[in-house]
Protein backbone atom coordinates (compact mmCIF):
# COMPACT_ATOMS: atom_id res chain seq x y z
CA UNK A 1 76.39 111.46 81.83
CA UNK A 2 76.31 113.47 78.59
CA UNK A 3 79.15 115.85 77.92
CA UNK A 4 78.15 119.49 77.67
CA UNK A 5 78.13 121.55 74.50
CA UNK A 6 78.84 124.76 76.38
CA UNK A 7 80.26 125.55 79.83
CA UNK A 8 80.25 128.95 81.57
CA UNK A 9 82.63 129.56 84.45
CA UNK A 10 84.72 132.15 86.29
CA UNK A 11 82.07 134.87 86.51
CA UNK A 12 79.22 136.23 88.60
CA UNK A 13 76.40 133.81 87.74
CA UNK A 14 73.14 135.19 89.14
CA UNK A 15 70.56 132.45 88.70
CA UNK A 16 67.37 134.34 89.73
CA UNK A 17 66.08 131.10 91.20
CA UNK A 18 63.86 131.25 94.30
CA UNK A 19 66.86 131.59 96.59
CA UNK A 20 68.54 134.11 94.23
CA UNK A 21 71.55 131.78 94.25
CA UNK A 22 75.00 132.62 92.94
CA UNK A 23 76.62 129.77 90.99
CA UNK A 24 80.22 129.13 89.94
CA UNK A 25 79.52 127.23 86.70
CA UNK A 26 76.76 126.35 84.25
CA UNK A 27 76.67 123.57 81.65
CA UNK A 28 74.46 123.48 78.55
CA UNK A 29 73.62 120.45 76.42
CA UNK A 30 71.50 120.95 73.33
CA UNK A 31 68.81 123.48 74.17
CA UNK A 32 68.80 122.81 77.94
CA UNK A 33 70.72 123.73 81.07
CA UNK A 34 72.12 120.48 82.51
CA UNK A 35 74.19 121.74 85.43
CA UNK A 36 74.24 124.73 87.78
CA UNK A 37 76.57 124.72 90.75
CA UNK A 38 80.19 124.80 91.91
CA UNK A 39 83.34 124.19 89.89
CA UNK A 40 83.88 120.70 91.26
CA UNK A 41 80.49 119.55 90.00
CA UNK A 42 81.11 120.80 86.46
CA UNK A 43 84.05 118.45 85.86
CA UNK A 44 82.03 115.42 84.63
CA UNK A 45 80.38 117.61 81.96
CA UNK A 46 83.68 118.79 80.48
CA UNK A 47 84.98 117.19 77.31
CA UNK A 48 86.66 117.83 73.98
CA UNK A 49 83.37 118.93 72.39
CA UNK A 50 82.43 121.43 75.09
CA UNK A 51 82.98 125.10 74.31
CA UNK A 52 84.25 126.64 77.53
CA UNK A 53 83.21 130.26 78.09
CA UNK A 54 85.61 131.92 80.52
CA UNK A 55 83.50 134.79 81.82
CA UNK A 56 86.55 136.48 83.34
CA UNK A 57 84.44 138.20 86.00
CA UNK A 58 81.52 139.05 83.71
CA UNK A 59 77.89 138.58 84.77
CA UNK A 60 75.70 135.73 83.54
CA UNK A 61 71.94 136.15 83.79
CA UNK A 62 68.88 134.41 82.40
CA UNK A 63 67.95 135.84 79.01
CA UNK A 64 65.82 138.97 79.33
CA UNK A 65 62.07 138.60 78.96
CA UNK A 66 60.71 141.70 77.19
CA UNK A 67 57.29 141.70 78.83
CA UNK A 68 55.60 144.22 76.54
CA UNK A 69 56.58 144.90 72.94
CA UNK A 70 55.18 144.91 69.42
CA UNK A 71 58.00 143.51 67.27
CA UNK A 72 55.74 142.05 64.58
CA UNK A 73 53.55 145.11 64.15
CA UNK A 74 56.84 146.98 63.98
CA UNK A 75 57.58 145.21 60.70
CA UNK A 76 54.89 147.48 59.28
CA UNK A 77 55.34 150.51 61.54
CA UNK A 78 59.07 150.77 60.87
CA UNK A 79 58.83 150.22 57.12
CA UNK A 80 58.22 153.86 56.25
CA UNK A 81 58.82 157.33 57.70
CA UNK A 82 60.57 157.18 61.07
CA UNK A 83 60.23 160.37 63.11
CA UNK A 84 62.45 160.95 66.13
CA UNK A 85 60.26 161.73 69.13
CA UNK A 86 62.65 164.54 70.07
CA UNK A 87 62.03 166.31 66.74
CA UNK A 88 60.76 169.87 66.71
CA UNK A 89 57.64 170.67 64.71
CA UNK A 90 59.69 171.91 61.76
CA UNK A 91 61.88 168.81 61.89
CA UNK A 92 58.79 166.58 61.83
CA UNK A 93 57.57 168.27 58.65
CA UNK A 94 61.04 168.13 57.12
CA UNK A 95 61.36 164.40 57.82
CA UNK A 96 57.98 163.67 56.23
CA UNK A 97 58.68 165.86 53.21
CA UNK A 98 62.15 164.44 52.60
CA UNK A 99 60.92 160.85 52.68
CA UNK A 100 58.08 161.52 50.26
CA UNK A 101 60.39 163.30 47.82
CA UNK A 102 62.92 160.46 48.04
CA UNK A 103 60.30 157.73 47.44
CA UNK A 104 58.15 158.84 44.50
CA UNK A 105 57.50 155.19 43.60
CA UNK A 106 55.23 154.63 46.63
CA UNK A 107 51.46 154.81 46.19
CA UNK A 108 50.85 155.60 49.85
CA UNK A 109 52.98 156.89 52.72
CA UNK A 110 53.07 155.70 56.31
CA UNK A 111 55.12 156.97 59.24
CA UNK A 112 55.32 156.90 63.02
CA UNK A 113 57.00 158.70 65.89
CA UNK A 114 55.94 162.32 66.31
CA UNK A 115 55.56 163.63 69.85
CA UNK A 116 51.84 164.20 70.36
CA UNK A 117 52.49 167.17 72.62
CA UNK A 118 54.68 168.86 70.01
CA UNK A 119 51.81 168.76 67.53
CA UNK A 120 49.34 170.03 70.13
CA UNK A 121 51.55 173.06 70.69
CA UNK A 122 51.58 173.75 66.94
CA UNK A 123 47.94 173.53 65.98
CA UNK A 124 47.39 169.80 66.25
CA UNK A 125 46.88 167.10 63.60
CA UNK A 126 45.60 169.28 60.74
CA UNK A 127 45.14 167.69 57.32
CA UNK A 128 46.00 170.97 55.58
CA UNK A 129 49.58 170.77 56.84
CA UNK A 130 50.10 167.34 55.30
CA UNK A 131 48.24 168.45 52.14
CA UNK A 132 50.94 171.06 51.59
CA UNK A 133 53.53 168.28 51.60
CA UNK A 134 51.55 165.74 49.55
CA UNK A 135 48.10 166.14 47.99
CA UNK A 136 47.93 163.41 45.33
CA UNK A 137 48.74 160.35 47.48
CA UNK A 138 47.47 159.31 50.92
CA UNK A 139 49.63 160.02 53.98
CA UNK A 140 49.09 158.37 57.38
CA UNK A 141 51.39 159.19 60.30
CA UNK A 142 50.98 157.73 63.81
CA UNK A 143 52.10 159.42 67.00
CA UNK A 144 54.90 158.05 69.16
CA UNK A 145 52.47 156.26 71.46
CA UNK A 146 50.63 154.53 68.60
CA UNK A 147 47.24 155.68 69.90
CA UNK A 148 46.59 158.53 67.51
CA UNK A 149 47.14 159.32 63.84
CA UNK A 150 47.49 162.23 61.44
CA UNK A 151 46.30 162.08 57.84
CA UNK A 152 46.00 164.25 54.75
CA UNK A 153 42.84 164.89 52.76
CA UNK A 154 43.59 162.12 50.25
CA UNK A 155 43.69 159.51 53.00
CA UNK A 156 40.31 160.68 54.33
CA UNK A 157 38.89 160.69 50.80
CA UNK A 158 40.02 157.12 50.10
CA UNK A 159 38.57 156.00 53.45
CA UNK A 160 35.28 157.72 52.64
CA UNK A 161 35.30 159.87 55.76
CA UNK A 162 33.31 163.09 55.67
CA UNK A 163 31.03 165.17 57.87
CA UNK A 164 28.37 162.44 57.93
CA UNK A 165 30.68 159.51 58.72
CA UNK A 166 30.06 158.08 62.19
CA UNK A 167 33.03 157.67 64.49
CA UNK A 168 34.23 154.05 64.91
CA UNK A 169 33.69 154.10 68.70
CA UNK A 170 32.12 157.40 69.80
CA UNK A 171 33.92 158.83 72.82
CA UNK A 172 36.82 156.38 72.53
CA UNK A 173 38.03 156.06 68.93
CA UNK A 174 37.04 158.85 66.59
CA UNK A 175 37.94 161.36 63.89
CA UNK A 176 38.91 164.76 65.19
CA UNK A 177 36.66 167.35 63.58
CA UNK A 178 36.47 171.08 62.99
CA UNK A 179 33.67 173.31 64.27
CA UNK A 180 31.49 172.38 61.28
CA UNK A 181 31.91 168.66 61.96
CA UNK A 182 34.24 167.96 59.04
CA UNK A 183 37.18 165.59 59.65
CA UNK A 184 40.16 167.77 60.54
CA UNK A 185 42.97 165.25 59.96
CA UNK A 186 43.36 163.67 63.40
CA UNK A 187 42.57 160.07 64.37
CA UNK A 188 42.16 158.90 67.96
CA UNK A 189 42.75 155.27 68.92
CA UNK A 190 43.20 152.07 66.96
CA UNK A 191 39.75 151.62 65.42
CA UNK A 192 40.00 154.92 63.53
CA UNK A 193 43.59 154.21 62.48
CA UNK A 194 42.49 150.76 61.32
CA UNK A 195 39.77 152.15 59.05
CA UNK A 196 42.25 154.44 57.31
CA UNK A 197 44.96 151.76 57.08
CA UNK A 198 42.56 149.29 55.48
CA UNK A 199 41.64 151.87 52.85
CA UNK A 200 45.12 153.28 52.19
CA UNK A 201 47.08 149.95 52.28
CA UNK A 202 50.49 151.52 52.90
CA UNK A 203 52.51 148.36 53.66
CA UNK A 204 54.22 145.68 51.57
CA UNK A 205 55.43 142.19 52.45
CA UNK A 206 59.01 142.41 51.21
CA UNK A 207 59.79 145.45 53.32
CA UNK A 208 58.15 143.88 56.37
CA UNK A 209 60.33 140.78 56.01
CA UNK A 210 63.54 142.80 55.87
CA UNK A 211 62.54 144.89 58.89
CA UNK A 212 61.80 141.76 60.94
CA UNK A 213 65.26 140.34 60.31
CA UNK A 214 66.75 143.56 61.69
CA UNK A 215 64.45 143.48 64.72
CA UNK A 216 65.46 139.91 65.61
CA UNK A 217 69.14 140.82 65.56
CA UNK A 218 68.58 144.02 67.53
CA UNK A 219 66.60 142.26 70.28
CA UNK A 220 69.26 139.54 70.56
CA UNK A 221 72.00 142.17 70.79
CA UNK A 222 70.19 143.57 73.84
CA UNK A 223 70.10 140.19 75.59
CA UNK A 224 66.41 139.56 74.86
CA UNK A 225 65.45 135.92 74.38
CA UNK A 226 61.68 136.05 75.00
CA UNK A 227 59.04 138.59 74.05
CA UNK A 228 55.45 139.10 75.15
CA UNK A 229 54.09 140.38 71.85
CA UNK A 230 51.19 142.57 72.87
CA UNK A 231 49.50 143.36 69.62
CA UNK A 232 49.23 141.65 66.26
CA UNK A 233 46.20 143.64 65.19
CA UNK A 234 43.83 141.66 62.99
CA UNK A 235 43.87 144.26 60.23
CA UNK A 236 47.65 143.76 59.90
CA UNK A 237 47.60 139.96 60.20
CA UNK A 238 47.73 139.47 56.43
CA UNK A 239 51.15 141.10 56.40
CA UNK A 240 52.53 139.75 59.66
CA UNK A 241 51.65 136.05 59.96
CA UNK A 242 53.28 135.17 56.61
CA UNK A 243 56.47 136.76 57.96
CA UNK A 244 56.22 134.62 61.11
CA UNK A 245 55.58 131.47 59.07
CA UNK A 246 58.62 132.13 56.90
CA UNK A 247 60.87 132.76 59.91
CA UNK A 248 59.74 129.55 61.61
CA UNK A 249 60.17 127.52 58.42
CA UNK A 250 63.75 128.79 58.10
CA UNK A 251 64.56 128.35 61.80
CA UNK A 252 65.19 132.09 62.12
CA UNK A 253 63.03 132.89 65.14
CA UNK A 254 65.77 133.84 67.60
CA UNK A 255 63.53 134.95 70.44
CA UNK A 256 60.57 133.15 71.93
CA UNK A 257 57.23 134.85 71.49
CA UNK A 258 53.93 134.69 73.30
CA UNK A 259 51.40 136.40 71.07
CA UNK A 260 47.85 137.55 71.42
CA UNK A 261 44.66 138.46 69.65
CA UNK A 262 44.05 142.15 70.14
CA UNK A 263 40.62 143.65 70.87
CA UNK A 264 40.25 147.33 69.98
CA UNK A 265 36.52 147.54 69.32
CA UNK A 266 33.25 145.69 69.95
CA UNK A 267 33.41 143.77 66.67
CA UNK A 268 36.81 142.36 67.59
CA UNK A 269 35.51 141.52 71.07
CA UNK A 270 32.74 139.42 69.56
CA UNK A 271 35.19 137.47 67.41
CA UNK A 272 38.01 137.25 69.94
CA UNK A 273 37.63 133.77 71.42
CA UNK A 274 37.00 132.01 68.11
CA UNK A 275 39.93 133.85 66.54
CA UNK A 276 42.19 132.91 69.46
CA UNK A 277 41.22 129.26 69.14
CA UNK A 278 42.15 129.30 65.45
CA UNK A 279 45.49 130.99 66.11
CA UNK A 280 46.40 128.69 69.03
CA UNK A 281 45.68 125.64 66.90
CA UNK A 282 48.36 126.77 64.42
CA UNK A 283 50.80 128.51 66.78
CA UNK A 284 51.40 126.55 69.97
CA UNK A 285 55.04 125.76 70.60
CA UNK A 286 57.75 127.14 72.87
CA UNK A 287 59.17 129.32 70.09
CA UNK A 288 55.94 130.98 68.97
CA UNK A 289 52.64 130.61 70.78
CA UNK A 290 49.39 132.58 70.64
CA UNK A 291 47.57 132.12 73.94
CA UNK A 292 46.56 135.58 75.18
CA UNK A 293 43.53 137.82 74.92
CA UNK A 294 44.68 141.45 74.68
CA UNK A 295 42.19 144.27 75.25
CA UNK A 296 43.01 147.92 74.55
CA UNK A 297 40.79 149.24 77.33
CA UNK A 298 41.93 152.85 77.23
CA UNK A 299 44.48 154.98 75.43
CA UNK A 300 47.26 157.34 76.46
CA UNK A 301 47.57 160.55 78.43
CA UNK A 302 49.21 162.24 75.43
CA UNK A 303 46.16 161.57 73.23
CA UNK A 304 43.75 162.29 76.12
CA UNK A 305 42.26 158.84 75.55
CA UNK A 306 43.41 157.23 78.81
CA UNK A 307 40.39 156.79 81.08
CA UNK A 308 40.39 158.52 84.48
CA UNK A 309 37.83 158.98 87.25
CA UNK A 310 38.65 162.70 87.20
CA UNK A 311 38.78 164.74 83.98
CA UNK A 312 42.02 166.04 82.48
CA UNK A 313 43.15 169.42 83.71
CA UNK A 314 42.67 170.88 80.22
CA UNK A 315 39.26 169.25 79.87
CA UNK A 316 37.80 166.04 78.53
CA UNK A 317 38.10 162.38 79.42
CA UNK A 318 37.56 158.96 77.89
CA UNK A 319 35.48 155.94 78.80
CA UNK A 320 37.08 152.49 78.93
CA UNK A 321 36.43 150.42 75.83
CA UNK A 322 34.81 147.69 77.95
CA UNK A 323 33.58 147.83 81.53
CA UNK A 324 31.48 146.01 84.09
CA UNK A 325 29.87 142.73 83.11
CA UNK A 326 30.79 143.09 79.43
CA UNK A 327 34.49 143.11 80.31
CA UNK A 328 34.20 140.46 83.02
CA UNK A 329 32.15 138.12 80.86
CA UNK A 330 34.69 138.30 78.02
CA UNK A 331 37.57 137.65 80.41
CA UNK A 332 35.79 134.71 82.05
CA UNK A 333 35.06 133.25 78.62
CA UNK A 334 38.73 133.56 77.66
CA UNK A 335 39.87 132.03 80.94
CA UNK A 336 37.46 129.15 80.44
CA UNK A 337 39.19 128.33 77.17
CA UNK A 338 42.60 128.39 78.85
CA UNK A 339 43.76 131.75 77.52
CA UNK A 340 45.79 134.27 79.47
CA UNK A 341 44.56 137.86 79.63
CA UNK A 342 46.45 141.13 79.10
CA UNK A 343 44.56 144.44 79.32
CA UNK A 344 45.96 147.86 78.50
CA UNK A 345 45.18 150.13 81.43
CA UNK A 346 46.82 153.53 81.92
CA UNK A 347 44.21 155.67 83.67
CA UNK A 348 42.81 154.82 87.11
CA UNK A 349 39.28 154.22 85.87
CA UNK A 350 40.39 151.72 83.22
CA UNK A 351 42.72 149.99 85.67
CA UNK A 352 39.90 149.70 88.22
CA UNK A 353 37.67 148.05 85.61
CA UNK A 354 40.50 145.67 84.71
CA UNK A 355 41.01 144.73 88.35
CA UNK A 356 37.31 144.05 88.79
CA UNK A 357 37.40 141.79 85.74
CA UNK A 358 40.33 139.95 87.34
CA UNK A 359 38.30 139.58 90.51
CA UNK A 360 35.49 137.99 88.49
CA UNK A 361 37.94 135.60 86.80
CA UNK A 362 39.40 134.49 90.14
CA UNK A 363 35.97 134.10 91.74
CA UNK A 364 34.97 131.94 88.76
CA UNK A 365 37.76 129.55 89.79
CA UNK A 366 40.42 130.30 87.17
CA UNK A 367 43.45 130.59 89.41
CA UNK A 368 46.20 129.72 86.91
CA UNK A 369 45.24 132.22 84.22
CA UNK A 370 47.89 134.94 83.93
CA UNK A 371 46.10 138.28 84.17
CA UNK A 372 48.20 141.33 83.29
CA UNK A 373 47.47 145.04 83.42
CA UNK A 374 49.73 146.67 80.85
CA UNK A 375 51.47 150.00 81.51
CA UNK A 376 49.92 150.64 84.96
CA UNK A 377 50.54 154.38 84.97
CA UNK A 378 48.09 155.83 87.51
CA UNK A 379 46.48 153.54 90.09
CA UNK A 380 44.21 154.83 92.85
CA UNK A 381 45.60 154.19 96.32
CA UNK A 382 42.64 151.97 97.18
CA UNK A 383 43.32 149.77 94.13
CA UNK A 384 47.04 149.17 94.59
CA UNK A 385 46.52 146.24 96.96
CA UNK A 386 44.10 144.62 94.51
CA UNK A 387 46.96 143.49 92.26
CA UNK A 388 48.19 141.08 94.91
CA UNK A 389 44.71 140.13 96.09
CA UNK A 390 43.57 139.02 92.63
CA UNK A 391 46.99 137.98 91.30
CA UNK A 392 47.16 140.66 88.62
CA UNK A 393 50.59 141.27 87.09
CA UNK A 394 51.51 144.97 86.95
CA UNK A 395 53.37 145.42 83.69
CA UNK A 396 55.14 148.72 83.09
CA UNK A 397 57.97 150.35 81.16
CA UNK A 398 60.83 151.41 83.40
CA UNK A 399 61.84 154.01 80.83
CA UNK A 400 58.58 155.84 81.56
CA UNK A 401 59.51 156.26 85.24
CA UNK A 402 60.88 159.74 84.67
CA UNK A 403 59.74 163.29 85.36
CA UNK A 404 57.69 164.41 82.33
CA UNK A 405 56.25 167.93 82.21
CA UNK A 406 53.26 167.12 79.94
CA UNK A 407 51.93 164.78 82.65
CA UNK A 408 51.62 167.77 84.97
CA UNK A 409 49.78 169.77 82.30
CA UNK A 410 47.36 166.95 81.56
CA UNK A 411 46.82 165.47 85.02
CA UNK A 412 47.64 168.24 87.47
CA UNK A 413 50.31 168.14 90.17
CA UNK A 414 48.64 165.66 92.51
CA UNK A 415 48.20 162.90 89.97
CA UNK A 416 51.42 163.66 88.06
CA UNK A 417 53.38 163.20 91.29
CA UNK A 418 51.81 159.81 92.02
CA UNK A 419 52.52 157.73 88.89
CA UNK A 420 54.00 154.24 88.47
CA UNK A 421 53.58 153.17 92.08
CA UNK A 422 55.28 149.80 91.70
CA UNK A 423 56.62 149.68 95.27
CA UNK A 424 53.09 149.92 96.66
CA UNK A 425 51.92 147.16 94.32
CA UNK A 426 54.81 144.88 95.36
CA UNK A 427 54.14 145.63 99.02
CA UNK A 428 50.56 144.53 98.42
CA UNK A 429 51.71 141.18 97.06
CA UNK A 430 51.67 142.05 93.36
CA UNK A 431 54.15 140.97 90.69
CA UNK A 432 55.84 143.58 88.47
CA UNK A 433 57.18 142.97 84.96
CA UNK A 434 59.13 145.33 82.72
CA UNK A 435 59.00 145.93 78.98
CA UNK A 436 59.69 148.74 76.55
CA UNK A 437 56.51 148.94 74.41
CA UNK A 438 58.80 148.82 71.36
CA UNK A 439 58.59 150.41 68.81
CA UNK A 440 56.77 153.23 70.64
CA UNK A 441 59.50 153.41 73.26
CA UNK A 442 60.74 156.93 73.91
CA UNK A 443 64.37 156.28 74.89
CA UNK A 444 65.07 152.90 73.30
CA UNK A 445 64.15 149.32 74.08
CA UNK A 446 67.33 148.27 75.88
CA UNK A 447 66.38 146.26 78.99
CA UNK A 448 69.23 147.82 80.94
CA UNK A 449 67.85 151.31 80.31
CA UNK A 450 64.42 150.32 81.57
CA UNK A 451 65.96 148.47 84.47
CA UNK A 452 68.09 151.47 85.47
CA UNK A 453 65.23 153.98 85.21
CA UNK A 454 62.89 151.81 87.28
CA UNK A 455 65.58 151.86 89.98
CA UNK A 456 66.55 155.56 89.80
CA UNK A 457 63.28 157.10 88.52
CA UNK A 458 65.54 159.46 86.58
CA UNK A 459 66.58 159.91 82.97
CA UNK A 460 69.20 157.26 82.22
CA UNK A 461 72.87 158.16 82.83
CA UNK A 462 71.81 161.41 84.51
CA UNK A 463 72.08 161.56 88.29
CA UNK A 464 71.34 165.31 88.14
CA UNK A 465 67.92 164.81 86.56
CA UNK A 466 65.02 165.35 89.00
CA UNK A 467 63.70 162.17 90.61
CA UNK A 468 60.19 161.24 89.56
CA UNK A 469 57.89 161.40 92.56
CA UNK A 470 57.08 159.46 94.66
CA UNK A 471 60.77 158.60 94.92
CA UNK A 472 60.03 155.77 97.36
CA UNK A 473 58.20 153.85 94.60
CA UNK A 474 61.53 152.89 92.95
CA UNK A 475 62.48 149.24 92.49
CA UNK A 476 65.65 147.68 93.82
CA UNK A 477 68.18 146.28 91.33
CA UNK A 478 67.24 142.77 92.43
CA UNK A 479 63.53 143.45 91.85
CA UNK A 480 64.19 145.03 88.46
CA UNK A 481 66.25 142.02 87.33
CA UNK A 482 63.42 139.73 88.43
CA UNK A 483 60.93 141.91 86.55
CA UNK A 484 62.95 141.39 83.36
CA UNK A 485 63.50 137.64 83.90
CA UNK A 486 61.52 135.29 86.16
CA UNK A 487 58.54 137.61 86.58
CA UNK A 488 58.33 138.09 82.82
CA UNK A 489 58.52 134.32 82.43
CA UNK A 490 55.59 134.01 84.82
CA UNK A 491 53.60 136.54 82.80
CA UNK A 492 54.04 134.53 79.59
CA UNK A 493 53.22 131.31 81.49
CA UNK A 494 56.68 129.79 81.00
CA UNK A 495 58.29 130.16 84.43
CA UNK A 496 58.86 126.38 84.52
CA UNK A 497 60.96 126.60 81.33
CA UNK A 498 62.68 130.03 81.26
CA UNK A 499 63.41 133.05 83.44
CA UNK A 500 66.06 131.58 85.72
CA UNK A 501 69.24 129.55 85.39
CA UNK A 502 68.15 126.12 86.64
CA UNK A 503 68.67 122.55 85.50
CA UNK A 504 66.05 121.46 82.98
CA UNK A 505 65.18 124.94 81.76
CA UNK A 506 65.93 126.18 78.28
CA UNK A 507 69.43 127.57 77.81
CA UNK A 508 68.39 131.20 77.34
CA UNK A 509 71.24 133.29 78.75
CA UNK A 510 72.84 136.71 78.55
CA UNK A 511 76.40 137.73 79.44
CA UNK A 512 76.99 141.31 80.63
CA UNK A 513 80.41 142.95 80.65
CA UNK A 514 80.12 143.83 84.35
CA UNK A 515 78.16 142.84 87.43
CA UNK A 516 75.32 145.38 87.56
CA UNK A 517 75.02 144.96 91.33
CA UNK A 518 78.45 146.57 91.60
CA UNK A 519 78.21 149.46 89.13
CA UNK A 520 76.77 152.88 89.93
CA UNK A 521 73.00 152.50 89.52
CA UNK A 522 72.98 155.55 87.23
CA UNK A 523 75.35 153.73 84.87
CA UNK A 524 73.61 150.34 84.60
CA UNK A 525 72.46 151.06 81.05
CA UNK A 526 76.08 151.61 79.99
CA UNK A 527 77.07 148.00 80.72
CA UNK A 528 77.47 146.23 77.35
CA UNK A 529 75.77 142.98 76.42
CA UNK A 530 78.60 140.65 75.44
CA UNK A 531 76.76 137.50 74.41
CA UNK A 532 73.22 136.16 74.07
CA UNK A 533 72.30 132.47 73.98
CA UNK A 534 68.81 131.33 73.06
CA UNK A 535 67.78 127.68 72.99
CA UNK A 536 71.40 126.69 73.50
CA UNK A 537 72.61 128.58 70.42
CA UNK A 538 74.66 131.76 70.36
CA UNK A 539 72.46 134.36 68.66
CA UNK A 540 74.61 137.40 69.47
CA UNK A 541 78.25 137.92 70.31
CA UNK A 542 79.87 141.32 70.73
CA UNK A 543 83.34 140.09 69.87
CA UNK A 544 85.27 136.92 69.33
CA UNK A 545 86.96 136.93 72.75
CA UNK A 546 84.20 135.05 74.52
């Protein structure tokens, strides 16, 4: 019997195995868990070389699986102007202006983070406003949700967009225009943002590399050991994949990643399978793997680009990017090549189309393909049972499970009071996973915040905040932990290797200061992460006392 490198004991060890067992001790050798059980059984693994971690009552969990994030795109998104979503209109303009004045060396300016509703209340995404701040160089700012953009006249000029320029995807991704048809300064959805980004070229490799190092440390400090990366857009791949290659070469990838090829328009749909094959050939290991087709099938409520059966209360709607046989055929083709499928679906019409595509995939005989609907904001009652029927994972962000007045303005009271119905999906046999959508997360990407808010359906640390309706759709603490561990592992097709504390699995672990089953559920997010272990190595430690 090999002696362990690391032993955990004297704490609340919640394994998240099928029986939801509680263990007394865990032993790690190399990158694997070699023992889980009682204190008597740990004795043969002890030795002079074993580092013994006395948990002293702390909680040991499997490492968190962040089931929806964009850490690699964030290397670009977070390399420029960062706008706090809580900023007022004047503060947004001040932040943009200050950054531009402080960085005269830049040839183009990029930013992200404004609240789309704040701009709507102040005249919208008008190019003239940004022109007053900067006329000579292009400026591109994306909203907090990442599904719309705001540009100045120089950016439009460099892109060659004028009155006669066709929209990238009419009715889905387009340039907002004035009454005369001239581009007004607003961009809706990724295809339009992509055209401007390709022309403006606002990013640089050195900055992206530095940002990624910070992101790795931040994720580890939150207990995250695996990430479902849901969007390395092709137009940013020239910046991002060299960063990934460098990190892998230096052994600096401190969370596992399952990546994807992202489809945001018809041209990308046509190239998707061939591009995925190329990426999988190069990236196919348990640290970084590309094995998922991602389709942006609608947008967001804030940008009025999410697709609903019923129009928005203030008018307008959006069609799904792909629907019917076109969507099903692409999904079946991906499944036939062994790829998993993840489709962005926020509105009920888009989600219905996604579920019907899943039905087609299952009826074609592809039972093991992981099929995920991302975000899962508004699902028709008649579709909630389809998640279980067709084995569709309902991915969502717990931090979005909070009363939000703009939803009522956009959707009306009936729909706004029937969002994020995870309990109904679970009752219908569906699996729920949790993620933050970093870096377009509104309250932060801490798993314990998302976990708490999925349980309370309130703003974190605020028991006086109104409960988001329907209150009965809340998760239990046990279900929320599973959503951030074993269910997330299932989504990324690694449940046999991560997601629970079991012998033979990778030693991906997180230590919490307190047992979150015992703390007030409105205070779960306040429990500190003390230590994170990934692949048997300590990648974060809060202090030297453990």
